[in-house]
């Protein structure tokens, strides 16, 4: 399964993107914001937007963890 390596909402806030701004400027949808709050994975399009906003690669944001353990 995939899990976040960083607190995405916290990183976005540090870059000046609070949830109100994300919604208002239509940078991320409500579903993506809710998924981030709950620690659930966002879709690939939302992940691409997050990478762009944070100027990070996907591997710096998420990682694969074998859940068989």
PDB file of N, CA and C in Angstrom:
ATOM      1  N   UNK A   1       0.838  -1.182   0.000  1.00  0.00           N
ATOM      2  CA  UNK A   1       0.000   0.000   0.000  1.00  0.00           C
ATOM      3  C   UNK A   1       0.881   1.242   0.000  1.00  0.00           C
ATOM      4  N   UNK A   2       0.315   2.324  -0.425  1.00  0.00           N
ATOM      5  CA  UNK A   2       1.032   3.590  -0.416  1.00  0.00           C
ATOM      6  C   UNK A   2       0.723   4.349   0.867  1.00  0.00           C
ATOM      7  N   UNK A   3       1.699   5.104   1.339  1.00  0.00           N
ATOM      8  CA  UNK A   3       1.465   5.995   2.479  1.00  0.00           C
ATOM      9  C   UNK A   3       2.253   7.273   2.243  1.00  0.00           C
ATOM     10  N   UNK A   4       1.828   8.321   2.905  1.00  0.00           N
ATOM     11  CA  UNK A   4       2.491   9.614   2.767  1.00  0.00           C
ATOM     12  C   UNK A   4       3.755   9.661   3.612  1.00  0.00           C
ATOM     13  N   UNK A   5       4.813  10.202   3.033  1.00  0.00           N
ATOM     14  CA  UNK A   5       6.065  10.398   3.756  1.00  0.00           C
ATOM     15  C   UNK A   5       6.044  11.713   4.521  1.00  0.00           C
ATOM     16  N   UNK A   6       5.234  12.650   4.050  1.00  0.00           N
ATOM     17  CA  UNK A   6       5.153  13.992   4.643  1.00  0.00           C
ATOM     18  C   UNK A   6       3.695  14.340   4.903  1.00  0.00           C
ATOM     19  N   UNK A   7       3.477  15.295   5.765  1.00  0.00           N
ATOM     20  CA  UNK A   7       2.138  15.837   5.987  1.00  0.00           C
ATOM     21  C   UNK A   7       1.883  16.844   4.857  1.00  0.00           C
ATOM     22  N   UNK A   8       1.144  16.402   3.851  1.00  0.00           N
ATOM     23  CA  UNK A   8       0.957  17.195   2.636  1.00  0.00           C
ATOM     24  C   UNK A   8       0.273  18.526   2.929  1.00  0.00           C
ATOM     25  N   UNK A   9      -0.789  18.507   3.719  1.00  0.00           N
ATOM     26  CA  UNK A   9      -1.485  19.758   4.021  1.00  0.00           C
ATOM     27  C   UNK A   9      -0.576  20.731   4.762  1.00  0.00           C
ATOM     28  N   UNK A  10       0.256  20.223   5.651  1.00  0.00           N
ATOM     29  CA  UNK A  10       1.192  21.081   6.385  1.00  0.00           C
ATOM     30  C   UNK A  10       2.208  21.692   5.416  1.00  0.00           C
ATOM     31  N   UNK A  11       2.734  20.875   4.505  1.00  0.00           N
ATOM     32  CA  UNK A  11       3.701  21.370   3.518  1.00  0.00           C
ATOM     33  C   UNK A  11       3.063  22.412   2.607  1.00  0.00           C
ATOM     34  N   UNK A  12       1.819  22.172   2.202  1.00  0.00           N
ATOM     35  CA  UNK A  12       1.112  23.139   1.360  1.00  0.00           C
ATOM     36  C   UNK A  12       0.921  24.454   2.107  1.00  0.00           C
ATOM     37  N   UNK A  13       0.562  24.352   3.388  1.00  0.00           N
ATOM     38  CA  UNK A  13       0.360  25.557   4.199  1.00  0.00           C
ATOM     39  C   UNK A  13       1.658  26.346   4.331  1.00  0.00           C
ATOM     40  N   UNK A  14       2.775  25.637   4.496  1.00  0.00           N
ATOM     41  CA  UNK A  14       4.082  26.297   4.579  1.00  0.00           C
ATOM     42  C   UNK A  14       4.403  27.067   3.299  1.00  0.00           C
ATOM     43  N   UNK A  15       3.878  26.584   2.163  1.00  0.00           N
ATOM     44  CA  UNK A  15       4.085  27.247   0.871  1.00  0.00           C
ATOM     45  C   UNK A  15       3.033  28.331   0.605  1.00  0.00           C
ATOM     46  N   UNK A  16       2.116  28.529   1.556  1.00  0.00           N
ATOM     47  CA  UNK A  16       1.111  29.577   1.416  1.00  0.00           C
ATOM     48  C   UNK A  16      -0.218  29.105   0.848  1.00  0.00           C
ATOM     49  N   UNK A  17      -0.420  27.799   0.801  1.00  0.00           N
ATOM     50  CA  UNK A  17      -1.661  27.238   0.257  1.00  0.00           C
ATOM     51  C   UNK A  17      -2.490  26.615   1.372  1.00  0.00           C
ATOM     52  N   UNK A  18      -3.323  27.428   2.029  1.00  0.00           N
ATOM     53  CA  UNK A  18      -4.230  26.845   3.011  1.00  0.00           C
ATOM     54  C   UNK A  18      -5.425  26.236   2.279  1.00  0.00           C
ATOM     55  N   UNK A  19      -6.270  25.507   2.996  1.00  0.00           N
ATOM     56  CA  UNK A  19      -7.370  24.802   2.331  1.00  0.00           C
ATOM     57  C   UNK A  19      -8.353  25.760   1.663  1.00  0.00           C
ATOM     58  N   UNK A  20      -8.555  26.923   2.234  1.00  0.00           N
ATOM     59  CA  UNK A  20      -9.451  27.905   1.619  1.00  0.00           C
ATOM     60  C   UNK A  20      -8.906  28.344   0.266  1.00  0.00           C
ATOM     61  N   UNK A  21      -7.617  28.636   0.214  1.00  0.00           N
ATOM     62  CA  UNK A  21      -6.996  29.056  -1.040  1.00  0.00           C
ATOM     63  C   UNK A  21      -7.020  27.923  -2.068  1.00  0.00           C
ATOM     64  N   UNK A  22      -6.762  26.705  -1.613  1.00  0.00           N
ATOM     65  CA  UNK A  22      -6.784  25.555  -2.522  1.00  0.00           C
ATOM     66  C   UNK A  22      -8.153  25.396  -3.180  1.00  0.00           C
ATOM     67  N   UNK A  23      -9.200  25.569  -2.371  1.00  0.00           N
ATOM     68  CA  UNK A  23     -10.576  25.456  -2.894  1.00  0.00           C
ATOM     69  C   UNK A  23     -10.925  26.635  -3.795  1.00  0.00           C
ATOM     70  N   UNK A  24     -10.677  27.833  -3.286  1.00  0.00           N
ATOM     71  CA  UNK A  24     -11.071  29.056  -3.981  1.00  0.00           C
ATOM     72  C   UNK A  24     -10.419  29.169  -5.351  1.00  0.00           C
ATOM     73  N   UNK A  25      -9.148  28.840  -5.424  1.00  0.00           N
ATOM     74  CA  UNK A  25      -8.413  28.935  -6.688  1.00  0.00           C
ATOM     75  C   UNK A  25      -8.500  27.646  -7.508  1.00  0.00           C
ATOM     76  N   UNK A  26      -9.301  26.698  -7.002  1.00  0.00           N
ATOM     77  CA  UNK A  26      -9.530  25.413  -7.669  1.00  0.00           C
ATOM     78  C   UNK A  26      -8.224  24.682  -7.973  1.00  0.00           C
ATOM     79  N   UNK A  27      -7.316  24.730  -7.014  1.00  0.00           N
ATOM     80  CA  UNK A  27      -6.046  24.028  -7.148  1.00  0.00           C
ATOM     81  C   UNK A  27      -6.203  22.555  -6.797  1.00  0.00           C
ATOM     82  N   UNK A  28      -7.035  22.271  -5.792  1.00  0.00           N
ATOM     83  CA  UNK A  28      -7.391  20.904  -5.408  1.00  0.00           C
ATOM     84  C   UNK A  28      -8.876  20.873  -5.091  1.00  0.00           C
ATOM     85  N   UNK A  29      -9.512  19.772  -5.429  1.00  0.00           N
ATOM     86  CA  UNK A  29     -10.935  19.617  -5.143  1.00  0.00           C
ATOM     87  C   UNK A  29     -11.190  19.243  -3.700  1.00  0.00           C
ATOM     88  N   UNK A  30     -12.428  19.368  -3.308  1.00  0.00           N
ATOM     89  CA  UNK A  30     -12.837  19.050  -1.935  1.00  0.00           C
ATOM     90  C   UNK A  30     -12.536  17.593  -1.590  1.00  0.00           C
ATOM     91  N   UNK A  31     -12.769  16.684  -2.537  1.00  0.00           N
ATOM     92  CA  UNK A  31     -12.498  15.263  -2.274  1.00  0.00           C
ATOM     93  C   UNK A  31     -11.023  15.028  -1.982  1.00  0.00           C
ATOM     94  N   UNK A  32     -10.154  15.669  -2.733  1.00  0.00           N
ATOM     95  CA  UNK A  32      -8.715  15.511  -2.511  1.00  0.00           C
ATOM     96  C   UNK A  32      -8.316  16.068  -1.147  1.00  0.00           C
ATOM     97  N   UNK A  33      -8.857  17.217  -0.799  1.00  0.00           N
ATOM     98  CA  UNK A  33      -8.544  17.825   0.502  1.00  0.00           C
ATOM     99  C   UNK A  33      -9.010  16.924   1.641  1.00  0.00           C
ATOM    100  N   UNK A  34     -10.213  16.376   1.510  1.00  0.00           N
ATOM    101  CA  UNK A  34     -10.728  15.470   2.548  1.00  0.00           C
ATOM    102  C   UNK A  34      -9.883  14.206   2.644  1.00  0.00           C
ATOM    103  N   UNK A  35      -9.472  13.674   1.503  1.00  0.00           N
ATOM    104  CA  UNK A  35      -8.607  12.483   1.510  1.00  0.00           C
ATOM    105  C   UNK A  35      -7.302  12.767   2.223  1.00  0.00           C
ATOM    106  N   UNK A  36      -6.717  13.922   1.964  1.00  0.00           N
ATOM    107  CA  UNK A  36      -5.471  14.301   2.629  1.00  0.00           C
ATOM    108  C   UNK A  36      -5.662  14.426   4.133  1.00  0.00           C
ATOM    109  N   UNK A  37      -6.767  15.006   4.540  1.00  0.00           N
ATOM    110  CA  UNK A  37      -7.056  15.148   5.985  1.00  0.00           C
ATOM    111  C   UNK A  37      -7.153  13.794   6.657  1.00  0.00           C
ATOM    112  N   UNK A  38      -7.720  12.825   5.940  1.00  0.00           N
ATOM    113  CA  UNK A  38      -7.943  11.499   6.510  1.00  0.00           C
ATOM    114  C   UNK A  38      -6.769  10.550   6.283  1.00  0.00           C
ATOM    115  N   UNK A  39      -5.718  11.047   5.632  1.00  0.00           N
ATOM    116  CA  UNK A  39      -4.552  10.214   5.380  1.00  0.00           C
ATOM    117  C   UNK A  39      -4.745   9.209   4.264  1.00  0.00           C
ATOM    118  N   UNK A  40      -5.781   9.404   3.462  1.00  0.00           N
ATOM    119  CA  UNK A  40      -6.064   8.505   2.347  1.00  0.00           C
ATOM    120  C   UNK A  40      -5.377   9.023   1.090  1.00  0.00           C
ATOM    121  N   UNK A  41      -5.101   8.118   0.178  1.00  0.00           N
ATOM    122  CA  UNK A  41      -4.435   8.492  -1.061  1.00  0.00           C
ATOM    123  C   UNK A  41      -5.359   9.298  -1.975  1.00  0.00           C
ATOM    124  N   UNK A  42      -4.780  10.278  -2.617  1.00  0.00           N
ATOM    125  CA  UNK A  42      -5.494  11.068  -3.617  1.00  0.00           C
ATOM    126  C   UNK A  42      -5.263  10.433  -4.979  1.00  0.00           C
ATOM    127  N   UNK A  43      -6.020  10.855  -5.954  1.00  0.00           N
ATOM    128  CA  UNK A  43      -5.853  10.356  -7.311  1.00  0.00           C
ATOM    129  C   UNK A  43      -4.586  10.898  -7.956  1.00  0.00           C
ATOM    130  N   UNK A  44      -4.256  10.338  -9.099  1.00  0.00           N
ATOM    131  CA  UNK A  44      -3.017  10.694  -9.782  1.00  0.00           C
ATOM    132  C   UNK A  44      -3.018  12.152 -10.245  1.00  0.00           C
ATOM    133  N   UNK A  45      -4.157  12.675 -10.641  1.00  0.00           N
ATOM    134  CA  UNK A  45      -4.230  14.076 -11.091  1.00  0.00           C
ATOM    135  C   UNK A  45      -3.988  15.014  -9.911  1.00  0.00           C
ATOM    136  N   UNK A  46      -4.597  14.705  -8.772  1.00  0.00           N
ATOM    137  CA  UNK A  46      -4.377  15.522  -7.573  1.00  0.00           C
ATOM    138  C   UNK A  46      -2.929  15.416  -7.119  1.00  0.00           C
ATOM    139  N   UNK A  47      -2.350  14.220  -7.196  1.00  0.00           N
ATOM    140  CA  UNK A  47      -0.947  14.041  -6.818  1.00  0.00           C
ATOM    141  C   UNK A  47      -0.042  14.873  -7.721  1.00  0.00           C
ATOM    142  N   UNK A  48      -0.362  14.911  -9.003  1.00  0.00           N
ATOM    143  CA  UNK A  48       0.422  15.726  -9.941  1.00  0.00           C
ATOM    144  C   UNK A  48       0.348  17.203  -9.565  1.00  0.00           C
ATOM    145  N   UNK A  49      -0.842  17.680  -9.194  1.00  0.00           N
ATOM    146  CA  UNK A  49      -0.996  19.080  -8.783  1.00  0.00           C
ATOM    147  C   UNK A  49      -0.222  19.369  -7.507  1.00  0.00           C
ATOM    148  N   UNK A  50      -0.259  18.422  -6.572  1.00  0.00           N
ATOM    149  CA  UNK A  50       0.472  18.582  -5.313  1.00  0.00           C
ATOM    150  C   UNK A  50       1.969  18.664  -5.592  1.00  0.00           C
ATOM    151  N   UNK A  51       2.462  17.797  -6.460  1.00  0.00           N
ATOM    152  CA  UNK A  51       3.885  17.821  -6.823  1.00  0.00           C
ATOM    153  C   UNK A  51       4.272  19.175  -7.406  1.00  0.00           C
ATOM    154  N   UNK A  52       3.407  19.711  -8.260  1.00  0.00           N
ATOM    155  CA  UNK A  52       3.686  21.004  -8.880  1.00  0.00           C
ATOM    156  C   UNK A  52       3.700  22.122  -7.829  1.00  0.00           C
ATOM    157  N   UNK A  53       2.686  22.134  -6.957  1.00  0.00           N
ATOM    158  CA  UNK A  53       2.586  23.177  -5.939  1.00  0.00           C
ATOM    159  C   UNK A  53       3.763  23.134  -4.968  1.00  0.00           C
ATOM    160  N   UNK A  54       4.187  21.934  -4.614  1.00  0.00           N
ATOM    161  CA  UNK A  54       5.270  21.790  -3.633  1.00  0.00           C
ATOM    162  C   UNK A  54       6.647  21.720  -4.291  1.00  0.00           C
ATOM    163  N   UNK A  55       6.673  21.644  -5.622  1.00  0.00           N
ATOM    164  CA  UNK A  55       7.929  21.484  -6.357  1.00  0.00           C
ATOM    165  C   UNK A  55       8.692  20.267  -5.831  1.00  0.00           C
ATOM    166  N   UNK A  56       7.975  19.129  -5.767  1.00  0.00           N
ATOM    167  CA  UNK A  56       8.537  17.877  -5.266  1.00  0.00           C
ATOM    168  C   UNK A  56       8.201  16.755  -6.232  1.00  0.00           C
ATOM    169  N   UNK A  57       8.980  15.691  -6.177  1.00  0.00           N
ATOM    170  CA  UNK A  57       8.716  14.486  -6.949  1.00  0.00           C
ATOM    171  C   UNK A  57       7.756  13.589  -6.162  1.00  0.00           C
ATOM    172  N   UNK A  58       6.969  12.745  -6.861  1.00  0.00           N
ATOM    173  CA  UNK A  58       6.041  11.852  -6.147  1.00  0.00           C
ATOM    174  C   UNK A  58       6.724  10.998  -5.082  1.00  0.00           C
ATOM    175  N   UNK A  59       7.943  10.533  -5.367  1.00  0.00           N
ATOM    176  CA  UNK A  59       8.675   9.705  -4.409  1.00  0.00           C
ATOM    177  C   UNK A  59       9.073  10.435  -3.141  1.00  0.00           C
ATOM    178  N   UNK A  60       9.019  11.756  -3.174  1.00  0.00           N
ATOM    179  CA  UNK A  60       9.302  12.546  -1.967  1.00  0.00           C
ATOM    180  C   UNK A  60       8.048  12.730  -1.123  1.00  0.00           C
ATOM    181  N   UNK A  61       6.901  12.398  -1.713  1.00  0.00           N
ATOM    182  CA  UNK A  61       5.620  12.608  -1.042  1.00  0.00           C
ATOM    183  C   UNK A  61       5.002  11.296  -0.566  1.00  0.00           C
ATOM    184  N   UNK A  62       5.099  10.265  -1.395  1.00  0.00           N
ATOM    185  CA  UNK A  62       4.514   8.974  -1.045  1.00  0.00           C
ATOM    186  C   UNK A  62       5.566   7.871  -1.132  1.00  0.00           C
ATOM    187  N   UNK A  63       5.274   6.758  -0.466  1.00  0.00           N
ATOM    188  CA  UNK A  63       6.138   5.582  -0.536  1.00  0.00           C
ATOM    189  C   UNK A  63       5.280   4.333  -0.503  1.00  0.00           C
ATOM    190  N   UNK A  64       5.816   3.256  -1.035  1.00  0.00           N
ATOM    191  CA  UNK A  64       5.145   1.968  -0.993  1.00  0.00           C
ATOM    192  C   UNK A  64       5.590   1.219   0.239  1.00  0.00           C
ATOM    193  N   UNK A  65       4.619   0.690   0.978  1.00  0.00           N
ATOM    194  CA  UNK A  65       4.902  -0.110   2.162  1.00  0.00           C
ATOM    195  C   UNK A  65       4.202  -1.449   1.976  1.00  0.00           C
ATOM    196  N   UNK A  66       4.959  -2.516   2.090  1.00  0.00           N
ATOM    197  CA  UNK A  66       4.397  -3.862   1.964  1.00  0.00           C
ATOM    198  C   UNK A  66       3.490  -4.110   3.168  1.00  0.00           C
ATOM    199  N   UNK A  67       2.204  -4.292   2.924  1.00  0.00           N
ATOM    200  CA  UNK A  67       1.250  -4.474   4.031  1.00  0.00           C
ATOM    201  C   UNK A  67       1.088  -5.917   4.446  1.00  0.00           C
ATOM    202  N   UNK A  68       1.905  -6.828   3.909  1.00  0.00           N
ATOM    203  CA  UNK A  68       1.868  -8.233   4.312  1.00  0.00           C
ATOM    204  C   UNK A  68       2.521  -8.459   5.666  1.00  0.00           C
ATOM    205  N   UNK A  69       3.246  -7.450   6.130  1.00  0.00           N
ATOM    206  CA  UNK A  69       3.997  -7.603   7.369  1.00  0.00           C
ATOM    207  C   UNK A  69       3.149  -7.305   8.564  1.00  0.00           C
TER     208      UNK A  69
END
